[in-house]
């Protein structure tokens, strides 16, 4: 990565074909499931982030699509209690 945060990987390493150019703002939107969000919450829980920091990170990355604060708090409590499953039970 250069000093501006741009990847130094060639386009083919990023999943594009040699003749495809990336156009800013035209990336495909990935739909995140509850399990995806839980995995991200679990990762940051293990990394030592607090709930407030993590809610801010989610909102920055996903905006209105991010889980609400109450959901993050609930999952942090689950992880604190030793529940490490990312699946609905």
C-alpha atoms as a PDB file:
ATOM      1  CA  UNK A   1       0.000   0.000   0.000  1.00  0.00           C
ATOM      2  CA  UNK A   2       1.314   3.428  -0.829  1.00  0.00           C
ATOM      3  CA  UNK A   3       1.228   6.479   1.447  1.00  0.00           C
ATOM      4  CA  UNK A   4      -2.283   7.350   0.206  1.00  0.00           C
ATOM      5  CA  UNK A   5      -3.680   3.951   1.157  1.00  0.00           C
ATOM      6  CA  UNK A   6      -3.872   2.640  -2.408  1.00  0.00           C
ATOM      7  CA  UNK A   7      -3.135  -1.002  -3.017  1.00  0.00           C
ATOM      8  CA  UNK A   8      -0.004  -1.842  -4.949  1.00  0.00           C
ATOM      9  CA  UNK A   9      -1.576  -5.060  -6.258  1.00  0.00           C
ATOM     10  CA  UNK A  10      -2.190  -5.245  -9.992  1.00  0.00           C
ATOM     11  CA  UNK A  11      -5.856  -5.184 -11.112  1.00  0.00           C
ATOM     12  CA  UNK A  12      -5.894  -8.959 -11.721  1.00  0.00           C
ATOM     13  CA  UNK A  13      -4.918  -9.567  -8.085  1.00  0.00           C
ATOM     14  CA  UNK A  14      -8.037  -7.673  -7.046  1.00  0.00           C
ATOM     15  CA  UNK A  15     -10.390  -9.856  -9.069  1.00  0.00           C
ATOM     16  CA  UNK A  16     -10.648  -7.752 -12.201  1.00  0.00           C
ATOM     17  CA  UNK A  17      -9.796  -8.951 -15.667  1.00  0.00           C
ATOM     18  CA  UNK A  18      -6.798  -7.457 -17.452  1.00  0.00           C
ATOM     19  CA  UNK A  19      -9.013  -5.442 -19.792  1.00  0.00           C
ATOM     20  CA  UNK A  20     -11.362  -4.174 -17.025  1.00  0.00           C
ATOM     21  CA  UNK A  21     -10.793  -0.830 -15.411  1.00  0.00           C
ATOM     22  CA  UNK A  22     -12.213  -0.074 -11.980  1.00  0.00           C
ATOM     23  CA  UNK A  23     -14.522   2.906 -12.075  1.00  0.00           C
ATOM     24  CA  UNK A  24     -14.846   4.688  -8.727  1.00  0.00           C
ATOM     25  CA  UNK A  25     -18.297   4.354  -7.219  1.00  0.00           C
ATOM     26  CA  UNK A  26     -19.337   1.355  -9.341  1.00  0.00           C
ATOM     27  CA  UNK A  27     -18.240  -1.428  -7.024  1.00  0.00           C
ATOM     28  CA  UNK A  28     -20.761  -4.184  -6.423  1.00  0.00           C
ATOM     29  CA  UNK A  29     -22.481  -3.857  -3.092  1.00  0.00           C
ATOM     30  CA  UNK A  30     -22.049  -6.846  -0.782  1.00  0.00           C
ATOM     31  CA  UNK A  31     -25.050  -7.773   1.314  1.00  0.00           C
ATOM     32  CA  UNK A  32     -23.987  -8.488   4.889  1.00  0.00           C
ATOM     33  CA  UNK A  33     -25.898 -11.083   6.881  1.00  0.00           C
ATOM     34  CA  UNK A  34     -26.321 -11.145  10.656  1.00  0.00           C
ATOM     35  CA  UNK A  35     -23.526 -13.712  10.764  1.00  0.00           C
ATOM     36  CA  UNK A  36     -21.210 -11.347   8.866  1.00  0.00           C
ATOM     37  CA  UNK A  37     -21.902  -8.547  11.338  1.00  0.00           C
ATOM     38  CA  UNK A  38     -21.480 -10.906  14.298  1.00  0.00           C
ATOM     39  CA  UNK A  39     -18.133 -12.050  12.923  1.00  0.00           C
ATOM     40  CA  UNK A  40     -16.997  -8.425  12.645  1.00  0.00           C
ATOM     41  CA  UNK A  41     -18.251  -7.678  16.159  1.00  0.00           C
ATOM     42  CA  UNK A  42     -16.484 -10.789  17.491  1.00  0.00           C
ATOM     43  CA  UNK A  43     -13.225  -9.811  15.783  1.00  0.00           C
ATOM     44  CA  UNK A  44     -13.254  -6.342  17.317  1.00  0.00           C
ATOM     45  CA  UNK A  45     -14.342  -7.769  20.679  1.00  0.00           C
ATOM     46  CA  UNK A  46     -11.276 -10.049  20.585  1.00  0.00           C
ATOM     47  CA  UNK A  47      -9.120  -7.098  19.468  1.00  0.00           C
ATOM     48  CA  UNK A  48     -10.130  -5.161  22.588  1.00  0.00           C
ATOM     49  CA  UNK A  49     -12.349  -2.455  21.105  1.00  0.00           C
ATOM     50  CA  UNK A  50     -15.145  -1.222  23.310  1.00  0.00           C
ATOM     51  CA  UNK A  51     -18.772  -1.123  22.233  1.00  0.00           C
ATOM     52  CA  UNK A  52     -18.800   2.596  21.506  1.00  0.00           C
ATOM     53  CA  UNK A  53     -15.720   2.373  19.272  1.00  0.00           C
ATOM     54  CA  UNK A  54     -17.184  -0.547  17.422  1.00  0.00           C
ATOM     55  CA  UNK A  55     -20.572   1.082  16.824  1.00  0.00           C
ATOM     56  CA  UNK A  56     -18.715   4.059  15.336  1.00  0.00           C
ATOM     57  CA  UNK A  57     -16.671   1.762  13.064  1.00  0.00           C
ATOM     58  CA  UNK A  58     -19.796  -0.023  11.829  1.00  0.00           C
ATOM     59  CA  UNK A  59     -21.583   3.246  11.134  1.00  0.00           C
ATOM     60  CA  UNK A  60     -18.576   4.608   9.289  1.00  0.00           C
ATOM     61  CA  UNK A  61     -18.293   1.503   7.123  1.00  0.00           C
ATOM     62  CA  UNK A  62     -21.968   0.601   6.590  1.00  0.00           C
ATOM     63  CA  UNK A  63     -23.984   3.727   7.448  1.00  0.00           C
ATOM     64  CA  UNK A  64     -27.691   3.113   7.911  1.00  0.00           C
ATOM     65  CA  UNK A  65     -27.281  -0.591   7.126  1.00  0.00           C
ATOM     66  CA  UNK A  66     -25.180  -1.211  10.232  1.00  0.00           C
ATOM     67  CA  UNK A  67     -26.668  -2.950  13.268  1.00  0.00           C
ATOM     68  CA  UNK A  68     -28.033  -0.638  15.950  1.00  0.00           C
ATOM     69  CA  UNK A  69     -26.149   0.056  19.166  1.00  0.00           C
ATOM     70  CA  UNK A  70     -28.441  -2.284  21.162  1.00  0.00           C
ATOM     71  CA  UNK A  71     -27.535  -5.193  18.876  1.00  0.00           C
ATOM     72  CA  UNK A  72     -23.808  -4.535  19.283  1.00  0.00           C
ATOM     73  CA  UNK A  73     -24.196  -4.273  23.074  1.00  0.00           C
ATOM     74  CA  UNK A  74     -26.151  -7.559  23.157  1.00  0.00           C
ATOM     75  CA  UNK A  75     -23.496  -9.387  21.153  1.00  0.00           C
ATOM     76  CA  UNK A  76     -20.644  -7.970  23.221  1.00  0.00           C
ATOM     77  CA  UNK A  77     -22.461  -9.317  26.317  1.00  0.00           C
ATOM     78  CA  UNK A  78     -22.833 -12.713  24.643  1.00  0.00           C
ATOM     79  CA  UNK A  79     -19.124 -12.794  23.826  1.00  0.00           C
ATOM     80  CA  UNK A  80     -18.190 -11.689  27.370  1.00  0.00           C
ATOM     81  CA  UNK A  81     -20.240 -14.569  28.746  1.00  0.00           C
ATOM     82  CA  UNK A  82     -18.321 -17.060  26.592  1.00  0.00           C
ATOM     83  CA  UNK A  83     -20.914 -17.543  23.834  1.00  0.00           C
ATOM     84  CA  UNK A  84     -18.757 -17.584  20.704  1.00  0.00           C
ATOM     85  CA  UNK A  85     -21.190 -18.974  18.118  1.00  0.00           C
ATOM     86  CA  UNK A  86     -21.977 -16.697  15.213  1.00  0.00           C
ATOM     87  CA  UNK A  87     -25.114 -18.658  14.300  1.00  0.00           C
ATOM     88  CA  UNK A  88     -28.688 -18.048  15.452  1.00  0.00           C
ATOM     89  CA  UNK A  89     -29.722 -20.571  18.038  1.00  0.00           C
END
